[in-house]
Amino acid sequence: MFIRNLQIKNGVLYARNTFYSLSPEIDVRADPIFRTPGLVSAGLAILFGFGFHDLLYLHELFVIAGFVVASIAIGFSSARLVIIKPSLRGSELSVAGYDTYPRIRQIAAEIVEAAQSQKEHRS
């Protein structure tokens, strides 16, 4: 799920169909999970292009080059937001959503800031 409609209010993170109460012991990560598959698929396409370059037309080589560029771009720009709480560790509920890597990093920073403010309010 893309998390464009994410909101943080009163120490609670509201995602599309779920919500997480933010506490100081949470760990937030921005995982670039599509980086390796993007590089592998681009590498395989490059190998295919080099292997069959003598049989391929020029426009087919351009299509392969476009696929390589798109695979690398998508692989490096996509990420998932993972929220780890002691009660959620190892479950599927710990994944909040997917989005672009800069947006996920921004959201992760906001979540950490909100969790720290919850810690200060409790003290």
PDB file of N, CA and C in Angstrom:
ATOM      1  N   MET A   1       0.838  -1.171   0.000  1.00  0.00           N
ATOM      2  CA  MET A   1       0.000   0.000   0.000  1.00  0.00           C
ATOM      3  C   MET A   1       0.881   1.231   0.000  1.00  0.00           C
ATOM      4  N   PHE A   2       0.532   2.185  -0.804  1.00  0.00           N
ATOM      5  CA  PHE A   2       1.241   3.459  -0.786  1.00  0.00           C
ATOM      6  C   PHE A   2       0.703   4.290   0.373  1.00  0.00           C
ATOM      7  N   ILE A   3       1.587   5.001   1.037  1.00  0.00           N
ATOM      8  CA  ILE A   3       1.187   5.680   2.268  1.00  0.00           C
ATOM      9  C   ILE A   3       1.100   7.177   2.083  1.00  0.00           C
ATOM     10  N   ARG A   4       0.430   7.601   1.049  1.00  0.00           N
ATOM     11  CA  ARG A   4       0.259   9.030   0.805  1.00  0.00           C
ATOM     12  C   ARG A   4      -0.648   9.667   1.856  1.00  0.00           C
ATOM     13  N   ASN A   5      -1.564   8.903   2.423  1.00  0.00           N
ATOM     14  CA  ASN A   5      -2.519   9.453   3.368  1.00  0.00           C
ATOM     15  C   ASN A   5      -2.111   9.184   4.819  1.00  0.00           C
ATOM     16  N   LEU A   6      -0.850   9.192   5.083  1.00  0.00           N
ATOM     17  CA  LEU A   6      -0.336   8.946   6.426  1.00  0.00           C
ATOM     18  C   LEU A   6      -0.522  10.184   7.289  1.00  0.00           C
ATOM     19  N   GLN A   7      -0.953   9.984   8.542  1.00  0.00           N
ATOM     20  CA  GLN A   7      -1.129  11.098   9.471  1.00  0.00           C
ATOM     21  C   GLN A   7      -0.600  10.685  10.838  1.00  0.00           C
ATOM     22  N   ILE A   8      -0.029  11.653  11.541  1.00  0.00           N
ATOM     23  CA  ILE A   8       0.427  11.439  12.910  1.00  0.00           C
ATOM     24  C   ILE A   8      -0.321  12.438  13.787  1.00  0.00           C
ATOM     25  N   LYS A   9      -1.157  11.922  14.704  1.00  0.00           N
ATOM     26  CA  LYS A   9      -1.926  12.779  15.603  1.00  0.00           C
ATOM     27  C   LYS A   9      -1.896  12.188  17.008  1.00  0.00           C
ATOM     28  N   ASN A  10      -1.569  13.015  17.956  1.00  0.00           N
ATOM     29  CA  ASN A  10      -1.612  12.642  19.374  1.00  0.00           C
ATOM     30  C   ASN A  10      -0.864  11.349  19.686  1.00  0.00           C
ATOM     31  N   GLY A  11       0.269  11.175  19.065  1.00  0.00           N
ATOM     32  CA  GLY A  11       1.083   9.991  19.335  1.00  0.00           C
ATOM     33  C   GLY A  11       0.604   8.730  18.660  1.00  0.00           C
ATOM     34  N   VAL A  12      -0.258   8.853  17.664  1.00  0.00           N
ATOM     35  CA  VAL A  12      -0.760   7.695  16.928  1.00  0.00           C
ATOM     36  C   VAL A  12      -0.493   7.914  15.444  1.00  0.00           C
ATOM     37  N   LEU A  13       0.071   6.904  14.804  1.00  0.00           N
ATOM     38  CA  LEU A  13       0.334   6.931  13.370  1.00  0.00           C
ATOM     39  C   LEU A  13      -0.836   6.262  12.669  1.00  0.00           C
ATOM     40  N   TYR A  14      -1.560   7.030  11.858  1.00  0.00           N
ATOM     41  CA  TYR A  14      -2.697   6.507  11.112  1.00  0.00           C
ATOM     42  C   TYR A  14      -2.268   6.248   9.682  1.00  0.00           C
ATOM     43  N   ALA A  15      -2.318   4.982   9.281  1.00  0.00           N
ATOM     44  CA  ALA A  15      -2.077   4.602   7.893  1.00  0.00           C
ATOM     45  C   ALA A  15      -3.438   4.283   7.283  1.00  0.00           C
ATOM     46  N   ARG A  16      -3.467   3.701   6.133  1.00  0.00           N
ATOM     47  CA  ARG A  16      -4.716   3.509   5.392  1.00  0.00           C
ATOM     48  C   ARG A  16      -5.748   2.705   6.189  1.00  0.00           C
ATOM     49  N   ASN A  17      -5.438   1.494   6.551  1.00  0.00           N
ATOM     50  CA  ASN A  17      -6.391   0.650   7.270  1.00  0.00           C
ATOM     51  C   ASN A  17      -5.927   0.290   8.672  1.00  0.00           C
ATOM     52  N   THR A  18      -4.793   0.795   9.075  1.00  0.00           N
ATOM     53  CA  THR A  18      -4.248   0.436  10.377  1.00  0.00           C
ATOM     54  C   THR A  18      -3.788   1.686  11.114  1.00  0.00           C
ATOM     55  N   PHE A  19      -3.499   1.515  12.380  1.00  0.00           N
ATOM     56  CA  PHE A  19      -2.899   2.600  13.146  1.00  0.00           C
ATOM     57  C   PHE A  19      -1.928   1.987  14.137  1.00  0.00           C
ATOM     58  N   TYR A  20      -0.924   2.751  14.478  1.00  0.00           N
ATOM     59  CA  TYR A  20       0.129   2.317  15.389  1.00  0.00           C
ATOM     60  C   TYR A  20       0.268   3.376  16.473  1.00  0.00           C
ATOM     61  N   SER A  21       0.242   2.976  17.719  1.00  0.00           N
ATOM     62  CA  SER A  21       0.518   3.944  18.777  1.00  0.00           C
ATOM     63  C   SER A  21       2.032   4.091  18.867  1.00  0.00           C
ATOM     64  N   LEU A  22       2.486   5.319  18.861  1.00  0.00           N
ATOM     65  CA  LEU A  22       3.915   5.589  18.860  1.00  0.00           C
ATOM     66  C   LEU A  22       4.416   5.622  20.293  1.00  0.00           C
ATOM     67  N   SER A  23       5.369   4.805  20.561  1.00  0.00           N
ATOM     68  CA  SER A  23       5.979   4.778  21.883  1.00  0.00           C
ATOM     69  C   SER A  23       7.487   4.909  21.713  1.00  0.00           C
ATOM     70  N   PRO A  24       8.194   5.302  22.757  1.00  0.00           N
ATOM     71  CA  PRO A  24       9.637   5.532  22.618  1.00  0.00           C
ATOM     72  C   PRO A  24      10.448   4.300  22.233  1.00  0.00           C
ATOM     73  N   GLU A  25       9.909   3.101  22.455  1.00  0.00           N
ATOM     74  CA  GLU A  25      10.712   1.910  22.163  1.00  0.00           C
ATOM     75  C   GLU A  25      10.555   1.405  20.728  1.00  0.00           C
ATOM     76  N   ILE A  26       9.867   2.141  19.866  1.00  0.00           N
ATOM     77  CA  ILE A  26       9.720   1.685  18.485  1.00  0.00           C
ATOM     78  C   ILE A  26      11.000   1.923  17.704  1.00  0.00           C
ATOM     79  N   ASP A  27      11.183   1.118  16.690  1.00  0.00           N
ATOM     80  CA  ASP A  27      12.298   1.265  15.762  1.00  0.00           C
ATOM     81  C   ASP A  27      11.698   1.428  14.367  1.00  0.00           C
ATOM     82  N   VAL A  28      12.111   2.449  13.652  1.00  0.00           N
ATOM     83  CA  VAL A  28      11.570   2.745  12.327  1.00  0.00           C
ATOM     84  C   VAL A  28      12.692   2.612  11.313  1.00  0.00           C
ATOM     85  N   ARG A  29      12.414   1.883  10.231  1.00  0.00           N
ATOM     86  CA  ARG A  29      13.410   1.703   9.173  1.00  0.00           C
ATOM     87  C   ARG A  29      12.801   2.016   7.823  1.00  0.00           C
ATOM     88  N   ALA A  30      13.622   2.526   6.948  1.00  0.00           N
ATOM     89  CA  ALA A  30      13.253   2.707   5.540  1.00  0.00           C
ATOM     90  C   ALA A  30      14.088   1.711   4.745  1.00  0.00           C
ATOM     91  N   ASP A  31      13.462   0.614   4.347  1.00  0.00           N
ATOM     92  CA  ASP A  31      14.169  -0.453   3.636  1.00  0.00           C
ATOM     93  C   ASP A  31      14.035  -0.289   2.131  1.00  0.00           C
ATOM     94  N   PRO A  32      15.145  -0.140   1.413  1.00  0.00           N
ATOM     95  CA  PRO A  32      15.075  -0.103  -0.058  1.00  0.00           C
ATOM     96  C   PRO A  32      15.041  -1.527  -0.612  1.00  0.00           C
ATOM     97  N   ILE A  33      13.881  -2.186  -0.496  1.00  0.00           N
ATOM     98  CA  ILE A  33      13.800  -3.617  -0.782  1.00  0.00           C
ATOM     99  C   ILE A  33      13.860  -3.967  -2.267  1.00  0.00           C
ATOM    100  N   PHE A  34      13.628  -3.014  -3.148  1.00  0.00           N
ATOM    101  CA  PHE A  34      13.627  -3.309  -4.577  1.00  0.00           C
ATOM    102  C   PHE A  34      14.961  -3.013  -5.240  1.00  0.00           C
ATOM    103  N   ARG A  35      15.956  -2.630  -4.468  1.00  0.00           N
ATOM    104  CA  ARG A  35      17.257  -2.290  -5.037  1.00  0.00           C
ATOM    105  C   ARG A  35      17.910  -3.522  -5.666  1.00  0.00           C
ATOM    106  N   THR A  36      17.980  -4.615  -4.944  1.00  0.00           N
ATOM    107  CA  THR A  36      18.615  -5.829  -5.468  1.00  0.00           C
ATOM    108  C   THR A  36      17.851  -6.412  -6.661  1.00  0.00           C
ATOM    109  N   PRO A  37      16.523  -6.584  -6.586  1.00  0.00           N
ATOM    110  CA  PRO A  37      15.823  -7.089  -7.774  1.00  0.00           C
ATOM    111  C   PRO A  37      15.963  -6.172  -8.993  1.00  0.00           C
ATOM    112  N   GLY A  38      16.014  -4.862  -8.768  1.00  0.00           N
ATOM    113  CA  GLY A  38      16.204  -3.943  -9.890  1.00  0.00           C
ATOM    114  C   GLY A  38      17.560  -4.125 -10.550  1.00  0.00           C
ATOM    115  N   LEU A  39      18.595  -4.269  -9.713  1.00  0.00           N
ATOM    116  CA  LEU A  39      19.939  -4.473 -10.262  1.00  0.00           C
ATOM    117  C   LEU A  39      20.072  -5.833 -10.945  1.00  0.00           C
ATOM    118  N   VAL A  40      19.465  -6.861 -10.376  1.00  0.00           N
ATOM    119  CA  VAL A  40      19.550  -8.208 -10.974  1.00  0.00           C
ATOM    120  C   VAL A  40      18.839  -8.230 -12.322  1.00  0.00           C
ATOM    121  N   SER A  41      17.615  -7.671 -12.376  1.00  0.00           N
ATOM    122  CA  SER A  41      16.895  -7.684 -13.656  1.00  0.00           C
ATOM    123  C   SER A  41      17.613  -6.826 -14.700  1.00  0.00           C
ATOM    124  N   ALA A  42      18.210  -5.708 -14.278  1.00  0.00           N
ATOM    125  CA  ALA A  42      18.975  -4.890 -15.219  1.00  0.00           C
ATOM    126  C   ALA A  42      20.212  -5.646 -15.705  1.00  0.00           C
ATOM    127  N   GLY A  43      20.888  -6.330 -14.793  1.00  0.00           N
ATOM    128  CA  GLY A  43      22.064  -7.109 -15.185  1.00  0.00           C
ATOM    129  C   GLY A  43      21.725  -8.230 -16.155  1.00  0.00           C
ATOM    130  N   LEU A  44      20.601  -8.918 -15.904  1.00  0.00           N
ATOM    131  CA  LEU A  44      20.182  -9.984 -16.817  1.00  0.00           C
ATOM    132  C   LEU A  44      19.808  -9.418 -18.191  1.00  0.00           C
ATOM    133  N   ALA A  45      19.183  -8.267 -18.212  1.00  0.00           N
ATOM    134  CA  ALA A  45      18.841  -7.647 -19.499  1.00  0.00           C
ATOM    135  C   ALA A  45      20.098  -7.231 -20.253  1.00  0.00           C
ATOM    136  N   ILE A  46      21.094  -6.729 -19.535  1.00  0.00           N
ATOM    137  CA  ILE A  46      22.365  -6.358 -20.170  1.00  0.00           C
ATOM    138  C   ILE A  46      23.052  -7.591 -20.739  1.00  0.00           C
ATOM    139  N   LEU A  47      23.071  -8.668 -19.964  1.00  0.00           N
ATOM    140  CA  LEU A  47      23.664  -9.914 -20.465  1.00  0.00           C
ATOM    141  C   LEU A  47      22.926 -10.435 -21.697  1.00  0.00           C
ATOM    142  N   PHE A  48      21.597 -10.339 -21.671  1.00  0.00           N
ATOM    143  CA  PHE A  48      20.816 -10.751 -22.835  1.00  0.00           C
ATOM    144  C   PHE A  48      21.162  -9.893 -24.050  1.00  0.00           C
ATOM    145  N   GLY A  49      21.270  -8.576 -23.823  1.00  0.00           N
ATOM    146  CA  GLY A  49      21.616  -7.687 -24.929  1.00  0.00           C
ATOM    147  C   GLY A  49      22.988  -7.967 -25.498  1.00  0.00           C
ATOM    148  N   PHE A  50      23.966  -8.204 -24.625  1.00  0.00           N
ATOM    149  CA  PHE A  50      25.313  -8.530 -25.109  1.00  0.00           C
ATOM    150  C   PHE A  50      25.351  -9.892 -25.785  1.00  0.00           C
ATOM    151  N   GLY A  51      24.603 -10.843 -25.256  1.00  0.00           N
ATOM    152  CA  GLY A  51      24.614 -12.194 -25.820  1.00  0.00           C
ATOM    153  C   GLY A  51      23.979 -12.280 -27.191  1.00  0.00           C
ATOM    154  N   PHE A  52      22.946 -11.502 -27.419  1.00  0.00           N
ATOM    155  CA  PHE A  52      22.205 -11.587 -28.674  1.00  0.00           C
ATOM    156  C   PHE A  52      22.268 -10.295 -29.487  1.00  0.00           C
ATOM    157  N   HIS A  53      23.285  -9.471 -29.258  1.00  0.00           N
ATOM    158  CA  HIS A  53      23.360  -8.187 -29.959  1.00  0.00           C
ATOM    159  C   HIS A  53      23.449  -8.350 -31.475  1.00  0.00           C
ATOM    160  N   ASP A  54      24.031  -9.454 -31.925  1.00  0.00           N
ATOM    161  CA  ASP A  54      24.160  -9.650 -33.366  1.00  0.00           C
ATOM    162  C   ASP A  54      22.843 -10.066 -34.012  1.00  0.00           C
ATOM    163  N   LEU A  55      21.880 -10.536 -33.221  1.00  0.00           N
ATOM    164  CA  LEU A  55      20.596 -10.958 -33.763  1.00  0.00           C
ATOM    165  C   LEU A  55      19.487  -9.924 -33.559  1.00  0.00           C
ATOM    166  N   LEU A  56      19.741  -8.939 -32.724  1.00  0.00           N
ATOM    167  CA  LEU A  56      18.714  -7.954 -32.384  1.00  0.00           C
ATOM    168  C   LEU A  56      18.808  -6.725 -33.286  1.00  0.00           C
ATOM    169  N   TYR A  57      17.642  -6.162 -33.591  1.00  0.00           N
ATOM    170  CA  TYR A  57      17.600  -4.898 -34.324  1.00  0.00           C
ATOM    171  C   TYR A  57      17.941  -3.759 -33.366  1.00  0.00           C
ATOM    172  N   LEU A  58      18.246  -2.613 -33.941  1.00  0.00           N
ATOM    173  CA  LEU A  58      18.651  -1.466 -33.138  1.00  0.00           C
ATOM    174  C   LEU A  58      17.537  -1.010 -32.195  1.00  0.00           C
ATOM    175  N   HIS A  59      16.297  -1.005 -32.663  1.00  0.00           N
ATOM    176  CA  HIS A  59      15.205  -0.574 -31.790  1.00  0.00           C
ATOM    177  C   HIS A  59      14.993  -1.562 -30.639  1.00  0.00           C
ATOM    178  N   GLU A  60      15.280  -2.833 -30.846  1.00  0.00           N
ATOM    179  CA  GLU A  60      15.175  -3.816 -29.761  1.00  0.00           C
ATOM    180  C   GLU A  60      16.257  -3.588 -28.710  1.00  0.00           C
ATOM    181  N   LEU A  61      17.437  -3.191 -29.153  1.00  0.00           N
ATOM    182  CA  LEU A  61      18.495  -2.850 -28.199  1.00  0.00           C
ATOM    183  C   LEU A  61      18.120  -1.612 -27.381  1.00  0.00           C
ATOM    184  N   PHE A  62      17.429  -0.657 -28.023  1.00  0.00           N
ATOM    185  CA  PHE A  62      16.959   0.523 -27.289  1.00  0.00           C
ATOM    186  C   PHE A  62      15.892   0.158 -26.264  1.00  0.00           C
ATOM    187  N   VAL A  63      15.044  -0.802 -26.603  1.00  0.00           N
ATOM    188  CA  VAL A  63      14.031  -1.265 -25.644  1.00  0.00           C
ATOM    189  C   VAL A  63      14.711  -1.917 -24.447  1.00  0.00           C
ATOM    190  N   ILE A  64      15.730  -2.711 -24.688  1.00  0.00           N
ATOM    191  CA  ILE A  64      16.480  -3.339 -23.591  1.00  0.00           C
ATOM    192  C   ILE A  64      17.167  -2.273 -22.745  1.00  0.00           C
ATOM    193  N   ALA A  65      17.748  -1.278 -23.393  1.00  0.00           N
ATOM    194  CA  ALA A  65      18.399  -0.194 -22.646  1.00  0.00           C
ATOM    195  C   ALA A  65      17.379   0.576 -21.807  1.00  0.00           C
ATOM    196  N   GLY A  66      16.193   0.811 -22.339  1.00  0.00           N
ATOM    197  CA  GLY A  66      15.146   1.470 -21.579  1.00  0.00           C
ATOM    198  C   GLY A  66      14.696   0.649 -20.389  1.00  0.00           C
ATOM    199  N   PHE A  67      14.609  -0.674 -20.577  1.00  0.00           N
ATOM    200  CA  PHE A  67      14.257  -1.561 -19.475  1.00  0.00           C
ATOM    201  C   PHE A  67      15.318  -1.520 -18.380  1.00  0.00           C
ATOM    202  N   VAL A  68      16.574  -1.483 -18.779  1.00  0.00           N
ATOM    203  CA  VAL A  68      17.676  -1.412 -17.801  1.00  0.00           C
ATOM    204  C   VAL A  68      17.581  -0.127 -16.990  1.00  0.00           C
ATOM    205  N   VAL A  69      17.382   0.984 -17.667  1.00  0.00           N
ATOM    206  CA  VAL A  69      17.284   2.270 -16.970  1.00  0.00           C
ATOM    207  C   VAL A  69      16.077   2.281 -16.035  1.00  0.00           C
ATOM    208  N   ALA A  70      14.927   1.780 -16.513  1.00  0.00           N
ATOM    209  CA  ALA A  70      13.724   1.754 -15.680  1.00  0.00           C
ATOM    210  C   ALA A  70      13.893   0.836 -14.483  1.00  0.00           C
ATOM    211  N   SER A  71      14.516  -0.313 -14.661  1.00  0.00           N
ATOM    212  CA  SER A  71      14.729  -1.246 -13.545  1.00  0.00           C
ATOM    213  C   SER A  71      15.606  -0.626 -12.474  1.00  0.00           C
ATOM    214  N   ILE A  72      16.669   0.024 -12.880  1.00  0.00           N
ATOM    215  CA  ILE A  72      17.565   0.651 -11.910  1.00  0.00           C
ATOM    216  C   ILE A  72      16.869   1.824 -11.225  1.00  0.00           C
ATOM    217  N   ALA A  73      16.137   2.634 -11.980  1.00  0.00           N
ATOM    218  CA  ALA A  73      15.447   3.788 -11.392  1.00  0.00           C
ATOM    219  C   ALA A  73      14.381   3.360 -10.389  1.00  0.00           C
ATOM    220  N   ILE A  74      13.585   2.375 -10.744  1.00  0.00           N
ATOM    221  CA  ILE A  74      12.551   1.890  -9.826  1.00  0.00           C
ATOM    222  C   ILE A  74      13.184   1.215  -8.621  1.00  0.00           C
ATOM    223  N   GLY A  75      14.230   0.455  -8.844  1.00  0.00           N
ATOM    224  CA  GLY A  75      14.890  -0.241  -7.745  1.00  0.00           C
ATOM    225  C   GLY A  75      15.502   0.698  -6.723  1.00  0.00           C
ATOM    226  N   PHE A  76      16.058   1.808  -7.180  1.00  0.00           N
ATOM    227  CA  PHE A  76      16.704   2.738  -6.255  1.00  0.00           C
ATOM    228  C   PHE A  76      15.746   3.780  -5.682  1.00  0.00           C
ATOM    229  N   SER A  77      14.550   3.928  -6.244  1.00  0.00           N
ATOM    230  CA  SER A  77      13.644   4.956  -5.734  1.00  0.00           C
ATOM    231  C   SER A  77      12.498   4.398  -4.907  1.00  0.00           C
ATOM    232  N   SER A  78      12.336   3.097  -4.830  1.00  0.00           N
ATOM    233  CA  SER A  78      11.241   2.502  -4.067  1.00  0.00           C
ATOM    234  C   SER A  78      11.742   1.980  -2.735  1.00  0.00           C
ATOM    235  N   ALA A  79      10.876   2.078  -1.721  1.00  0.00           N
ATOM    236  CA  ALA A  79      11.248   1.597  -0.389  1.00  0.00           C
ATOM    237  C   ALA A  79       9.985   1.240   0.380  1.00  0.00           C
ATOM    238  N   ARG A  80      10.174   0.600   1.518  1.00  0.00           N
ATOM    239  CA  ARG A  80       9.051   0.304   2.396  1.00  0.00           C
ATOM    240  C   ARG A  80       9.356   0.835   3.785  1.00  0.00           C
ATOM    241  N   LEU A  81       8.315   1.216   4.473  1.00  0.00           N
ATOM    242  CA  LEU A  81       8.422   1.710   5.837  1.00  0.00           C
ATOM    243  C   LEU A  81       8.144   0.550   6.782  1.00  0.00           C
ATOM    244  N   VAL A  82       9.097   0.265   7.664  1.00  0.00           N
ATOM    245  CA  VAL A  82       8.955  -0.819   8.616  1.00  0.00           C
ATOM    246  C   VAL A  82       8.975  -0.221  10.013  1.00  0.00           C
ATOM    247  N   ILE A  83       7.930  -0.525  10.785  1.00  0.00           N
ATOM    248  CA  ILE A  83       7.838  -0.074  12.169  1.00  0.00           C
ATOM    249  C   ILE A  83       7.955  -1.307  13.047  1.00  0.00           C
ATOM    250  N   ILE A  84       8.963  -1.317  13.891  1.00  0.00           N
ATOM    251  CA  ILE A  84       9.193  -2.478  14.745  1.00  0.00           C
ATOM    252  C   ILE A  84       8.936  -2.082  16.190  1.00  0.00           C
ATOM    253  N   LYS A  85       7.973  -2.737  16.784  1.00  0.00           N
ATOM    254  CA  LYS A  85       7.706  -2.615  18.207  1.00  0.00           C
ATOM    255  C   LYS A  85       7.965  -3.977  18.814  1.00  0.00           C
ATOM    256  N   PRO A  86       8.255  -4.038  20.079  1.00  0.00           N
ATOM    257  CA  PRO A  86       8.469  -5.353  20.689  1.00  0.00           C
ATOM    258  C   PRO A  86       7.272  -6.288  20.505  1.00  0.00           C
ATOM    259  N   SER A  87       6.063  -5.756  20.505  1.00  0.00           N
ATOM    260  CA  SER A  87       4.886  -6.603  20.341  1.00  0.00           C
ATOM    261  C   SER A  87       4.636  -6.995  18.885  1.00  0.00           C
ATOM    262  N   LEU A  88       5.212  -6.268  17.926  1.00  0.00           N
ATOM    263  CA  LEU A  88       4.988  -6.549  16.503  1.00  0.00           C
ATOM    264  C   LEU A  88       6.157  -7.269  15.843  1.00  0.00           C
ATOM    265  N   ARG A  89       7.244  -7.498  16.551  1.00  0.00           N
ATOM    266  CA  ARG A  89       8.448  -8.059  15.951  1.00  0.00           C
ATOM    267  C   ARG A  89       8.159  -9.403  15.283  1.00  0.00           C
ATOM    268  N   GLY A  90       8.522  -9.482  14.018  1.00  0.00           N
ATOM    269  CA  GLY A  90       8.370 -10.724  13.263  1.00  0.00           C
ATOM    270  C   GLY A  90       7.010 -10.897  12.618  1.00  0.00           C
ATOM    271  N   SER A  91       6.099  -9.967  12.775  1.00  0.00           N
ATOM    272  CA  SER A  91       4.773 -10.122  12.183  1.00  0.00           C
ATOM    273  C   SER A  91       4.666  -9.252  10.929  1.00  0.00           C
ATOM    274  N   GLU A  92       3.669  -9.547  10.134  1.00  0.00           N
ATOM    275  CA  GLU A  92       3.434  -8.764   8.924  1.00  0.00           C
ATOM    276  C   GLU A  92       2.862  -7.387   9.247  1.00  0.00           C
ATOM    277  N   LEU A  93       2.362  -7.195  10.441  1.00  0.00           N
ATOM    278  CA  LEU A  93       1.779  -5.909  10.817  1.00  0.00           C
ATOM    279  C   LEU A  93       2.818  -4.817  10.964  1.00  0.00           C
ATOM    280  N   SER A  94       4.084  -5.180  10.956  1.00  0.00           N
ATOM    281  CA  SER A  94       5.119  -4.186  11.164  1.00  0.00           C
ATOM    282  C   SER A  94       5.450  -3.393   9.898  1.00  0.00           C
ATOM    283  N   VAL A  95       4.921  -3.779   8.745  1.00  0.00           N
ATOM    284  CA  VAL A  95       5.159  -3.039   7.506  1.00  0.00           C
ATOM    285  C   VAL A  95       4.019  -2.045   7.323  1.00  0.00           C
ATOM    286  N   ALA A  96       4.345  -0.764   7.349  1.00  0.00           N
ATOM    287  CA  ALA A  96       3.313   0.267   7.241  1.00  0.00           C
ATOM    288  C   ALA A  96       2.957   0.558   5.795  1.00  0.00           C
ATOM    289  N   GLY A  97       3.904   0.469   4.875  1.00  0.00           N
ATOM    290  CA  GLY A  97       3.577   0.723   3.481  1.00  0.00           C
ATOM    291  C   GLY A  97       4.790   0.956   2.613  1.00  0.00           C
ATOM    292  N   TYR A  98       4.531   1.231   1.343  1.00  0.00           N
ATOM    293  CA  TYR A  98       5.568   1.411   0.337  1.00  0.00           C
ATOM    294  C   TYR A  98       5.419   2.785  -0.293  1.00  0.00           C
ATOM    295  N   ASP A  99       6.518   3.371  -0.670  1.00  0.00           N
ATOM    296  CA  ASP A  99       6.506   4.672  -1.343  1.00  0.00           C
ATOM    297  C   ASP A  99       7.900   4.918  -1.899  1.00  0.00           C
ATOM    298  N   THR A 100       8.153   6.147  -2.326  1.00  0.00           N
ATOM    299  CA  THR A 100       9.490   6.470  -2.805  1.00  0.00           C
ATOM    300  C   THR A 100      10.443   6.585  -1.612  1.00  0.00           C
ATOM    301  N   TYR A 101      11.702   6.333  -1.859  1.00  0.00           N
ATOM    302  CA  TYR A 101      12.683   6.302  -0.780  1.00  0.00           C
ATOM    303  C   TYR A 101      12.803   7.638  -0.050  1.00  0.00           C
ATOM    304  N   PRO A 102      12.872   8.790  -0.746  1.00  0.00           N
ATOM    305  CA  PRO A 102      12.942  10.057   0.004  1.00  0.00           C
ATOM    306  C   PRO A 102      11.703  10.307   0.865  1.00  0.00           C
ATOM    307  N   ARG A 103      10.521   9.955   0.364  1.00  0.00           N
ATOM    308  CA  ARG A 103       9.285  10.137   1.143  1.00  0.00           C
ATOM    309  C   ARG A 103       9.286   9.232   2.370  1.00  0.00           C
ATOM    310  N   ILE A 104       9.725   8.005   2.224  1.00  0.00           N
ATOM    311  CA  ILE A 104       9.774   7.074   3.359  1.00  0.00           C
ATOM    312  C   ILE A 104      10.751   7.581   4.414  1.00  0.00           C
ATOM    313  N   ARG A 105      11.886   8.098   3.989  1.00  0.00           N
ATOM    314  CA  ARG A 105      12.844   8.636   4.967  1.00  0.00           C
ATOM    315  C   ARG A 105      12.267   9.835   5.703  1.00  0.00           C
ATOM    316  N   GLN A 106      11.533  10.672   5.002  1.00  0.00           N
ATOM    317  CA  GLN A 106      10.884  11.823   5.634  1.00  0.00           C
ATOM    318  C   GLN A 106       9.847  11.353   6.654  1.00  0.00           C
ATOM    319  N   ILE A 107       9.039  10.375   6.287  1.00  0.00           N
ATOM    320  CA  ILE A 107       8.024   9.858   7.199  1.00  0.00           C
ATOM    321  C   ILE A 107       8.676   9.205   8.409  1.00  0.00           C
ATOM    322  N   ALA A 108       9.754   8.462   8.187  1.00  0.00           N
ATOM    323  CA  ALA A 108      10.456   7.825   9.305  1.00  0.00           C
ATOM    324  C   ALA A 108      10.982   8.866  10.280  1.00  0.00           C
ATOM    325  N   ALA A 109      11.510   9.971   9.767  1.00  0.00           N
ATOM    326  CA  ALA A 109      11.992  11.039  10.643  1.00  0.00           C
ATOM    327  C   ALA A 109      10.840  11.664  11.430  1.00  0.00           C
ATOM    328  N   GLU A 110       9.686  11.844  10.787  1.00  0.00           N
ATOM    329  CA  GLU A 110       8.523  12.380  11.491  1.00  0.00           C
ATOM    330  C   GLU A 110       8.043  11.440  12.586  1.00  0.00           C
ATOM    331  N   ILE A 111       8.079  10.144  12.313  1.00  0.00           N
ATOM    332  CA  ILE A 111       7.638   9.161  13.311  1.00  0.00           C
ATOM    333  C   ILE A 111       8.575   9.159  14.502  1.00  0.00           C
ATOM    334  N   VAL A 112       9.875   9.201  14.243  1.00  0.00           N
ATOM    335  CA  VAL A 112      10.848   9.229  15.346  1.00  0.00           C
ATOM    336  C   VAL A 112      10.673  10.495  16.171  1.00  0.00           C
ATOM    337  N   GLU A 113      10.446  11.615  15.498  1.00  0.00           N
ATOM    338  CA  GLU A 113      10.234  12.876  16.209  1.00  0.00           C
ATOM    339  C   GLU A 113       8.968  12.815  17.067  1.00  0.00           C
ATOM    340  N   ALA A 114       7.892  12.246  16.527  1.00  0.00           N
ATOM    341  CA  ALA A 114       6.651  12.123  17.301  1.00  0.00           C
ATOM    342  C   ALA A 114       6.825  11.164  18.480  1.00  0.00           C
ATOM    343  N   ALA A 115       7.575  10.093  18.288  1.00  0.00           N
ATOM    344  CA  ALA A 115       7.819   9.149  19.382  1.00  0.00           C
ATOM    345  C   ALA A 115       8.658   9.808  20.478  1.00  0.00           C
ATOM    346  N   GLN A 116       9.638  10.616  20.089  1.00  0.00           N
ATOM    347  CA  GLN A 116      10.451  11.316  21.087  1.00  0.00           C
ATOM    348  C   GLN A 116       9.623  12.344  21.853  1.00  0.00           C
ATOM    349  N   SER A 117       8.701  13.015  21.162  1.00  0.00           N
ATOM    350  CA  SER A 117       7.852  13.978  21.870  1.00  0.00           C
ATOM    351  C   SER A 117       6.909  13.262  22.824  1.00  0.00           C
ATOM    352  N   GLN A 118       6.474  12.042  22.478  1.00  0.00           N
ATOM    353  CA  GLN A 118       5.659  11.241  23.405  1.00  0.00           C
ATOM    354  C   GLN A 118       6.479  10.884  24.644  1.00  0.00           C
ATOM    355  N   LYS A 119       7.752  10.581  24.445  1.00  0.00           N
ATOM    356  CA  LYS A 119       8.625  10.243  25.563  1.00  0.00           C
ATOM    357  C   LYS A 119       8.796  11.442  26.476  1.00  0.00           C
ATOM    358  N   GLU A 120       8.943  12.637  25.882  1.00  0.00           N
ATOM    359  CA  GLU A 120       9.099  13.850  26.691  1.00  0.00           C
ATOM    360  C   GLU A 120       7.820  14.185  27.450  1.00  0.00           C
ATOM    361  N   HIS A 121       6.648  13.931  26.857  1.00  0.00           N
ATOM    362  CA  HIS A 121       5.385  14.198  27.530  1.00  0.00           C
ATOM    363  C   HIS A 121       5.157  13.254  28.706  1.00  0.00           C
ATOM    364  N   ARG A 122       5.661  12.026  28.584  1.00  0.00           N
ATOM    365  CA  ARG A 122       5.494  11.056  29.671  1.00  0.00           C
ATOM    366  C   ARG A 122       6.438  11.320  30.829  1.00  0.00           C
ATOM    367  N   SER A 123       7.540  12.011  30.549  1.00  0.00           N
ATOM    368  CA  SER A 123       8.530  12.257  31.608  1.00  0.00           C
ATOM    369  C   SER A 123       8.110  13.352  32.542  1.00  0.00           C
TER     370      SER A 123
END
